[in-house]
Every structure is written in structure tokens, then in C-alpha cells.
Amino acid sequence: MYFSFIVPVYNRPDEIDELLESLTKFNATALFEVVVVEDGSSLPCKDIVEKYANRLEVVYYFKPNSGPGDSRNYGMKLAKGDYFIILDSDCILPPDYLSNVEQSLKEEFVDCFGGPDAALDSFSDIQKAINFTMTSFLTTGGIRGGSEKVDKFQPRSFNMGLSKKAFEASNGFGNIHPGEDPDLSIRLWNLGFKTKLIKSAFVFHKRRISWEKFQIQVNKFGKARPILNSWYPEHKKITFWFPTLFLLGFIFSVLLTFFNLPFFLALYGFYFLLLFITSLLFNKKLKIALYSLWATVIQFYGYGKGFLLSYYRISILKQKPQEAFPELFFKK
């Protein structure tokens, strides 16, 4: 099997340098190429890519800006491999990543897989806190953290594998962003393809992000979900409501304290205490544990607010998604 790593990049040449360096340290025997797709950047990474020409089989393409999904499709159309591995530019791969993928596909081949993410010791405290919140079983990140307690796993494109056959049958990613990952997974299922999680195929996801950018990101995640529910109602789940219910429940609990009913607010206090202790034990640093609480507040507030607004516009007002939230759709 010949693998093609597909990496869209937008104004982040330093990230490409770190990613390509990690690929040179693979211990796998599998053959692979790297396809870097520059999505209309004003800070191109061509010089960085050329630096690795003697160490990797790597190709570089520049195209007008049209979003990450379209850039991934562009790269897959030009790639030589029969199996594509899609990465975000802010990922760093461990040496055994590709060998773990190859072994898992030999044992049980699927046309689409996903892997979890982790944090390196060199990451900043904020990056580690956000990574904990995005992967912890105590938050909405349990699946990203490696949980297999789902009937069908929906890979995420920061770490996703896709066969050439599945790409050609599905036409790849749509133009919604975020939301293109579950959209593709569901369309693959409808076409008869299987997906799975490869727990050992994890990446170190750097997430060069501020608190403000994190809030914008999770808010968009929340907005995208009701749109996907409207497209694929057979895949709606009550769990998609949890962040919104958590947010509304907190507001309700605060109001109850004015009526001398503090019990429900105390439950929230217990939850955050448990979250703090779990993060402290995992990260072994007080500052990261405190940051994890703030990251969780941002995650639930941003996602919950976005989901509720989107549900109202899409499900109640019956607005068209592209008109209700044009910021979630790239124009090709």
C-alpha cells in the first residue's frame, strides 16, 4: 500500500517545518509521499518544503484560497497514493505513527479511519489545557480522546485516513467548515464504506490558538451540528444537546439560588472540582488544571450558544444554512 499524506496549510510555514521534520523520523517500511497544498497563503511555505526535498518524497502546490476541505480534495486529486492520510499543519507525528496505521489496516481494512490527539511536553500550558478539554471523557471530547464507545466512529480531518476508492466515490469533503468531517463520514456510511478509530495512530496536535480563537472555533462547531442534523436526521443524537443543556442548566441553577435552592449549583461545583482534580492528576501542574476549567467553560458556552442559535434558525425558522451562517461555507 502506498500512502499519500495530504496537508493543507494557510500562513503557517513554521508548522510545516515541524510536521515534515517529524515525518523524517518514521520507523515504518511503508512507502509514502507528502502533498503540501498552500491555500492562498500570504506567508508561503515553499522554501520550507524544498528544504526536505532530499529527505522526503514531497510535492508542493499553491492554489487560491478556498478553505481546508477544498484544499484536501485538491491534494488528493493530485496525489499518487492509493490511501490518503489527511493532517492539519499544526500536527507532529510520533515515529511509529505510520507503522501503527499500516498494521491496523492489515488486521482490519477500512476505507476511512481516524486517530486521537495528544499533547507534547513542549506545548504551552494553554495548549495542554485546551488539549485536555478537547479530549477528556469529562467533556464533549471523549471521542477525540480515544473512546471507542460509539456505534460508528466519525474521524476528524486533523488525523484521518481515506482510501482513494472512498474519495472517488464520495467526492471528498464538502464546503462547510467546520462540519466537513462528520458530513464526509455520514456520506461514506451511506455509500457502504466503514470507518474505525485506530487508537495507536495518535498525533501531537499543537493547536496554536488563543482563548478568543478557541471560543470562535467551538462556537462554529456548535453552529454546524444542527445543519448536519437537518441534512442527516437519521444520525441525530441527544448527546449533541449536552453542551446547550449544560449551559441552560447552569443559568437555571444560578436563578434557583435566589430562592434558597443551591443544590443544583452545588452539582456544578462538584463537576468542576472533579474536572480540576482529573486535569491536575493528568497534567501534574496546578496552572494547567486551572486553565482546564476555563477551557471547559469556553467550550460549553461557545458550543452551547452556537448550537442553540443554529437550532433556532435552521430547525425553527427553517432558514437555509448558507443564508443563516454564510461564515461556515467557503465559496469555490
Protein backbone atom coordinates (compact mmCIF):
# COMPACT_ATOMS: atom_id res chain seq x y z
CA MET A 1 0.00 0.00 0.00
CA TYR A 2 1.31 3.43 -0.96
CA PHE A 3 0.32 6.31 1.32
CA SER A 4 -0.06 9.99 0.48
CA PHE A 5 -0.04 12.48 3.34
CA ILE A 6 -2.28 15.43 2.43
CA VAL A 7 -1.51 18.65 4.32
CA PRO A 8 -3.37 21.90 3.61
CA VAL A 9 -1.63 24.97 5.03
CA TYR A 10 -2.59 28.61 5.38
CA ASN A 11 0.01 31.14 6.56
CA ARG A 12 1.84 28.71 8.85
CA PRO A 13 5.26 27.86 7.42
CA ASP A 14 6.70 27.18 10.88
CA GLU A 15 4.16 24.43 11.46
CA ILE A 16 5.00 22.72 8.19
CA ASP A 17 8.64 22.67 9.24
CA GLU A 18 7.83 20.84 12.48
CA LEU A 19 5.45 18.42 10.76
CA LEU A 20 7.84 17.48 7.95
CA GLU A 21 10.69 17.05 10.41
CA SER A 22 8.59 14.54 12.36
CA LEU A 23 7.85 12.59 9.16
CA THR A 24 11.57 12.13 8.53
CA LYS A 25 11.80 10.14 11.78
CA PHE A 26 9.31 7.41 10.85
CA ASN A 27 10.37 3.84 11.63
CA ALA A 28 7.90 2.40 9.10
CA THR A 29 8.87 0.48 5.96
CA ALA A 30 5.76 1.61 4.10
CA LEU A 31 6.27 3.87 1.10
CA PHE A 32 4.73 7.33 1.26
CA GLU A 33 4.73 10.80 -0.23
CA VAL A 34 3.77 14.16 1.26
CA VAL A 35 1.48 16.54 -0.62
CA VAL A 36 1.52 20.09 0.76
CA VAL A 37 -1.29 22.32 -0.52
CA GLU A 38 -0.81 26.04 0.08
CA ASP A 39 -4.30 27.53 0.35
CA GLY A 40 -3.64 31.04 -0.97
CA SER A 41 -1.27 32.00 1.85
CA SER A 42 0.43 35.38 2.05
CA LEU A 43 3.18 33.63 4.07
CA PRO A 44 4.05 30.71 1.78
CA CYS A 45 5.96 27.66 2.98
CA LYS A 46 7.53 26.66 -0.35
CA ASP A 47 11.09 27.30 0.88
CA ILE A 48 10.43 25.12 3.95
CA VAL A 49 9.10 22.28 1.80
CA GLU A 50 12.07 22.46 -0.57
CA LYS A 51 14.38 22.05 2.43
CA TYR A 52 13.07 18.49 2.81
CA ALA A 53 13.28 17.50 -0.86
CA ASN A 54 16.32 15.27 -0.20
CA ARG A 55 14.82 13.65 2.89
CA LEU A 56 11.21 13.07 1.88
CA GLU A 57 9.22 12.47 -1.25
CA VAL A 58 7.36 15.75 -1.01
CA VAL A 59 5.48 17.90 -3.51
CA TYR A 60 4.16 21.43 -3.12
CA TYR A 61 1.14 23.06 -4.75
CA PHE A 62 -0.13 26.63 -4.47
CA LYS A 63 -3.80 27.44 -5.13
CA PRO A 64 -6.22 30.32 -4.46
CA ASN A 65 -7.82 30.33 -1.02
CA SER A 66 -10.93 28.12 -0.91
CA GLY A 67 -10.80 26.54 2.55
CA PRO A 68 -9.29 23.40 4.07
CA GLY A 69 -11.85 20.92 2.72
CA ASP A 70 -11.41 22.01 -0.88
CA SER A 71 -7.62 22.07 -0.42
CA ARG A 72 -7.65 18.49 0.85
CA ASN A 73 -9.68 17.44 -2.19
CA TYR A 74 -7.23 19.28 -4.43
CA GLY A 75 -4.32 17.41 -2.89
CA MET A 76 -6.00 14.01 -3.11
CA LYS A 77 -6.77 14.52 -6.79
CA LEU A 78 -3.08 15.10 -7.49
CA ALA A 79 -1.67 12.50 -5.08
CA LYS A 80 -0.15 9.22 -6.26
CA GLY A 81 -1.14 7.05 -3.31
CA ASP A 82 -3.94 4.54 -3.06
CA TYR A 83 -4.55 5.56 0.56
CA PHE A 84 -4.57 9.17 1.78
CA ILE A 85 -3.71 10.38 5.29
CA ILE A 86 -5.03 13.86 5.97
CA LEU A 87 -3.37 16.03 8.60
CA ASP A 88 -3.65 19.56 9.92
CA SER A 89 -0.49 21.61 9.57
CA ASP A 90 -0.25 22.04 13.36
CA CYS A 91 0.32 18.32 13.99
CA ILE A 92 3.52 16.50 14.91
CA LEU A 93 3.67 12.73 14.37
CA PRO A 94 5.42 10.16 16.57
CA PRO A 95 7.90 7.79 14.85
CA ASP A 96 5.59 4.75 14.96
CA TYR A 97 2.52 6.54 13.55
CA LEU A 98 2.63 5.09 10.04
CA SER A 99 3.65 1.59 11.16
CA ASN A 100 0.66 1.55 13.53
CA VAL A 101 -1.67 2.63 10.74
CA GLU A 102 -0.30 0.03 8.33
CA GLN A 103 -0.57 -2.76 10.90
CA SER A 104 -4.14 -1.85 11.84
CA LEU A 105 -5.27 -1.72 8.20
CA LYS A 106 -3.67 -5.13 7.59
CA GLU A 107 -5.58 -6.59 10.52
CA GLU A 108 -8.90 -4.96 9.63
CA PHE A 109 -9.04 -2.87 6.49
CA VAL A 110 -11.44 0.06 6.38
CA ASP A 111 -11.72 2.80 3.78
CA CYS A 112 -11.66 5.55 6.39
CA PHE A 113 -10.02 5.77 9.80
CA GLY A 114 -9.39 8.40 12.42
CA GLY A 115 -6.91 8.74 15.24
CA PRO A 116 -6.83 10.65 18.54
CA ASP A 117 -4.63 13.55 19.52
CA ALA A 118 -2.29 14.23 22.43
CA ALA A 119 0.00 16.96 23.78
CA LEU A 120 3.78 17.07 23.87
CA ASP A 121 5.66 18.17 26.98
CA SER A 122 6.94 21.15 24.99
CA PHE A 123 3.43 22.52 24.41
CA SER A 124 2.39 25.65 26.29
CA ASP A 125 0.16 25.45 29.37
CA ILE A 126 -2.79 26.85 27.39
CA GLN A 127 -2.26 24.29 24.61
CA LYS A 128 -2.15 21.47 27.16
CA ALA A 129 -5.30 22.75 28.89
CA ILE A 130 -7.22 23.01 25.61
CA ASN A 131 -5.98 19.59 24.55
CA PHE A 132 -7.18 18.14 27.87
CA THR A 133 -10.59 19.76 27.48
CA MET A 134 -10.92 18.63 23.85
CA THR A 135 -10.04 15.02 24.69
CA SER A 136 -11.26 14.38 28.25
CA PHE A 137 -14.06 11.90 28.93
CA LEU A 138 -15.49 14.52 31.33
CA THR A 139 -16.21 16.94 28.49
CA THR A 140 -17.51 16.64 24.93
CA GLY A 141 -14.06 15.48 23.85
CA GLY A 142 -14.27 11.83 24.89
CA ILE A 143 -14.41 10.53 21.35
CA ARG A 144 -11.45 12.63 20.25
CA GLY A 145 -9.55 11.35 23.25
CA GLY A 146 -9.76 7.78 22.06
CA SER A 147 -13.10 6.45 23.28
CA GLU A 148 -14.50 3.62 21.18
CA LYS A 149 -17.90 3.63 22.87
CA VAL A 150 -19.68 4.79 19.75
CA ASP A 151 -21.58 2.76 17.18
CA LYS A 152 -19.78 4.41 14.28
CA PHE A 153 -16.64 6.48 14.65
CA GLN A 154 -16.50 9.82 12.87
CA PRO A 155 -12.86 10.61 12.02
CA ARG A 156 -11.61 14.19 12.25
CA SER A 157 -9.52 15.66 9.47
CA PHE A 158 -6.66 16.73 11.69
CA ASN A 159 -5.83 12.98 11.67
CA MET A 160 -7.82 10.99 9.11
CA GLY A 161 -7.18 8.24 6.60
CA LEU A 162 -9.21 7.82 3.41
CA SER A 163 -8.81 5.30 0.62
CA LYS A 164 -8.63 6.51 -2.96
CA LYS A 165 -11.68 4.38 -3.72
CA ALA A 166 -13.72 6.08 -0.98
CA PHE A 167 -12.55 9.53 -2.07
CA GLU A 168 -13.57 8.97 -5.67
CA ALA A 169 -16.95 7.56 -4.64
CA SER A 170 -17.76 10.39 -2.22
CA ASN A 171 -16.02 13.30 -3.99
CA GLY A 172 -14.31 14.07 -0.71
CA PHE A 173 -15.08 16.98 1.57
CA GLY A 174 -17.96 19.39 1.17
CA ASN A 175 -17.62 23.18 1.51
CA ILE A 176 -18.97 23.52 5.06
CA HIS A 177 -16.32 24.34 7.67
CA PRO A 178 -16.29 23.21 10.37
CA GLY A 179 -18.57 20.23 9.96
CA GLU A 180 -16.95 18.79 6.83
CA ASP A 181 -15.60 15.81 8.78
CA PRO A 182 -18.88 14.32 10.09
CA ASP A 183 -20.51 15.25 6.78
CA LEU A 184 -17.99 13.11 4.92
CA SER A 185 -18.24 10.25 7.43
CA ILE A 186 -22.01 10.05 7.10
CA ARG A 187 -21.86 10.14 3.30
CA LEU A 188 -19.28 7.34 3.38
CA TRP A 189 -21.56 5.23 5.59
CA ASN A 190 -24.45 5.84 3.19
CA LEU A 191 -22.21 4.61 0.36
CA GLY A 192 -21.45 1.40 2.26
CA PHE A 193 -17.93 2.26 3.49
CA LYS A 194 -16.77 1.53 7.02
CA THR A 195 -14.88 3.78 9.41
CA LYS A 196 -12.91 3.00 12.55
CA LEU A 197 -10.72 4.50 15.23
CA ILE A 198 -7.05 3.49 15.35
CA LYS A 199 -6.18 4.38 18.95
CA SER A 200 -2.45 3.87 18.44
CA ALA A 201 -2.36 6.28 15.47
CA PHE A 202 -2.31 9.43 17.56
CA VAL A 203 -0.79 12.78 16.66
CA PHE A 204 0.50 15.62 18.79
CA HIS A 205 -1.95 18.39 17.95
CA LYS A 206 -0.34 21.73 18.73
CA ARG A 207 -3.37 23.98 18.36
CA ARG A 208 -1.69 27.36 18.13
CA ILE A 209 -4.70 29.12 19.46
CA SER A 210 -5.73 31.86 21.90
CA TRP A 211 -8.70 31.80 24.25
CA GLU A 212 -10.57 34.08 21.85
CA LYS A 213 -9.85 31.90 18.83
CA PHE A 214 -10.82 28.79 20.79
CA GLN A 215 -14.20 30.33 21.62
CA ILE A 216 -14.78 31.20 17.96
CA GLN A 217 -13.82 27.67 16.93
CA VAL A 218 -16.12 25.82 19.33
CA ASN A 219 -18.92 28.28 18.60
CA LYS A 220 -18.68 27.32 14.93
CA PHE A 221 -18.71 23.64 15.91
CA GLY A 222 -21.99 24.28 17.70
CA LYS A 223 -23.47 26.12 14.74
CA ALA A 224 -22.54 23.33 12.32
CA ARG A 225 -24.20 20.48 14.21
CA PRO A 226 -27.90 21.45 13.68
CA ILE A 227 -27.08 21.95 10.00
CA LEU A 228 -25.74 18.40 9.81
CA ASN A 229 -28.79 17.17 11.75
CA SER A 230 -31.04 18.78 9.14
CA TRP A 231 -29.10 17.10 6.34
CA TYR A 232 -28.91 13.71 8.03
CA PRO A 233 -31.80 13.46 10.54
CA GLU A 234 -31.25 9.71 10.92
CA HIS A 235 -27.96 10.44 12.67
CA LYS A 236 -29.24 12.94 15.24
CA LYS A 237 -28.31 12.16 18.85
CA ILE A 238 -29.45 13.58 22.16
CA THR A 239 -25.79 13.91 23.15
CA PHE A 240 -25.44 16.75 20.67
CA TRP A 241 -27.64 18.78 23.03
CA PHE A 242 -25.46 18.22 26.12
CA PRO A 243 -23.37 21.45 25.94
CA THR A 244 -26.51 23.54 25.41
CA LEU A 245 -28.35 21.78 28.23
CA PHE A 246 -25.28 22.22 30.43
CA LEU A 247 -25.29 25.96 29.72
CA LEU A 248 -29.03 26.39 30.25
CA GLY A 249 -28.89 24.23 33.37
CA PHE A 250 -26.17 26.43 34.85
CA ILE A 251 -28.24 29.57 34.28
CA PHE A 252 -31.27 27.87 35.82
CA SER A 253 -29.18 26.72 38.81
CA VAL A 254 -27.96 30.25 39.47
CA LEU A 255 -31.54 31.53 39.42
CA LEU A 256 -32.61 28.83 41.89
CA THR A 257 -30.05 30.04 44.42
CA PHE A 258 -32.08 33.25 44.78
CA PHE A 259 -34.91 31.02 46.02
CA ASN A 260 -32.62 29.35 48.55
CA LEU A 261 -32.20 26.24 46.39
CA PRO A 262 -28.41 25.89 45.98
CA PHE A 263 -28.36 22.11 45.38
CA PHE A 264 -28.17 22.22 41.59
CA LEU A 265 -25.46 24.87 41.60
CA ALA A 266 -23.54 22.68 44.05
CA LEU A 267 -23.66 19.87 41.47
CA TYR A 268 -21.91 22.15 39.00
CA GLY A 269 -19.34 22.93 41.66
CA PHE A 270 -18.74 19.21 42.18
CA TYR A 271 -18.35 18.69 38.43
CA PHE A 272 -15.72 21.42 38.11
CA LEU A 273 -13.92 20.10 41.19
CA LEU A 274 -13.79 16.66 39.59
CA LEU A 275 -12.56 18.19 36.35
CA PHE A 276 -9.87 20.13 38.20
CA ILE A 277 -8.62 17.06 40.08
CA THR A 278 -8.60 14.95 36.91
CA SER A 279 -6.61 17.55 34.99
CA LEU A 280 -4.22 18.02 37.89
CA LEU A 281 -3.53 14.28 38.09
CA PHE A 282 -3.13 14.01 34.32
CA ASN A 283 -1.07 17.15 33.66
CA LYS A 284 0.65 17.32 37.08
CA LYS A 285 0.59 21.11 37.11
CA LEU A 286 -1.71 23.44 39.03
CA LYS A 287 -1.74 26.14 36.35
CA ILE A 288 -2.84 23.72 33.64
CA ALA A 289 -5.58 22.35 35.90
CA LEU A 290 -6.90 25.88 36.44
CA TYR A 291 -6.64 26.65 32.74
CA SER A 292 -8.58 23.44 32.03
CA LEU A 293 -11.54 24.82 33.98
CA TRP A 294 -11.55 27.98 31.88
CA ALA A 295 -11.14 25.99 28.65
CA THR A 296 -14.16 23.87 29.63
CA VAL A 297 -16.25 26.96 30.36
CA ILE A 298 -15.34 28.34 26.93
CA GLN A 299 -16.06 25.00 25.27
CA PHE A 300 -19.51 24.54 26.78
CA TYR A 301 -20.50 28.20 26.45
CA GLY A 302 -19.23 28.61 22.90
CA TYR A 303 -20.59 25.33 21.57
CA GLY A 304 -23.85 25.51 23.53
CA LYS A 305 -24.61 29.06 22.42
CA GLY A 306 -23.76 28.28 18.80
CA PHE A 307 -25.87 25.11 18.80
CA LEU A 308 -28.91 26.87 20.28
CA LEU A 309 -28.73 29.76 17.80
CA SER A 310 -28.29 27.37 14.88
CA TYR A 311 -31.12 25.12 16.05
CA TYR A 312 -33.43 28.13 16.23
CA ARG A 313 -32.55 29.37 12.74
CA ILE A 314 -32.31 26.01 10.98
CA SER A 315 -34.95 23.88 12.75
CA ILE A 316 -37.48 26.51 13.90
CA LEU A 317 -37.21 29.31 11.33
CA LYS A 318 -36.27 26.83 8.55
CA GLN A 319 -33.60 29.11 7.14
CA LYS A 320 -31.19 27.80 4.54
CA PRO A 321 -27.82 27.03 6.15
CA GLN A 322 -25.81 29.09 3.64
CA GLU A 323 -28.04 32.10 4.32
CA ALA A 324 -28.23 31.65 8.09
CA PHE A 325 -24.49 31.14 8.58
CA PRO A 326 -22.53 32.20 5.48
CA GLU A 327 -19.31 32.22 7.56
CA LEU A 328 -19.48 28.39 7.69
CA PHE A 329 -19.35 27.97 3.92
CA PHE A 330 -16.42 28.57 1.58
CA LYS A 331 -17.21 29.79 -1.90
CA LYS A 332 -15.49 27.71 -4.56
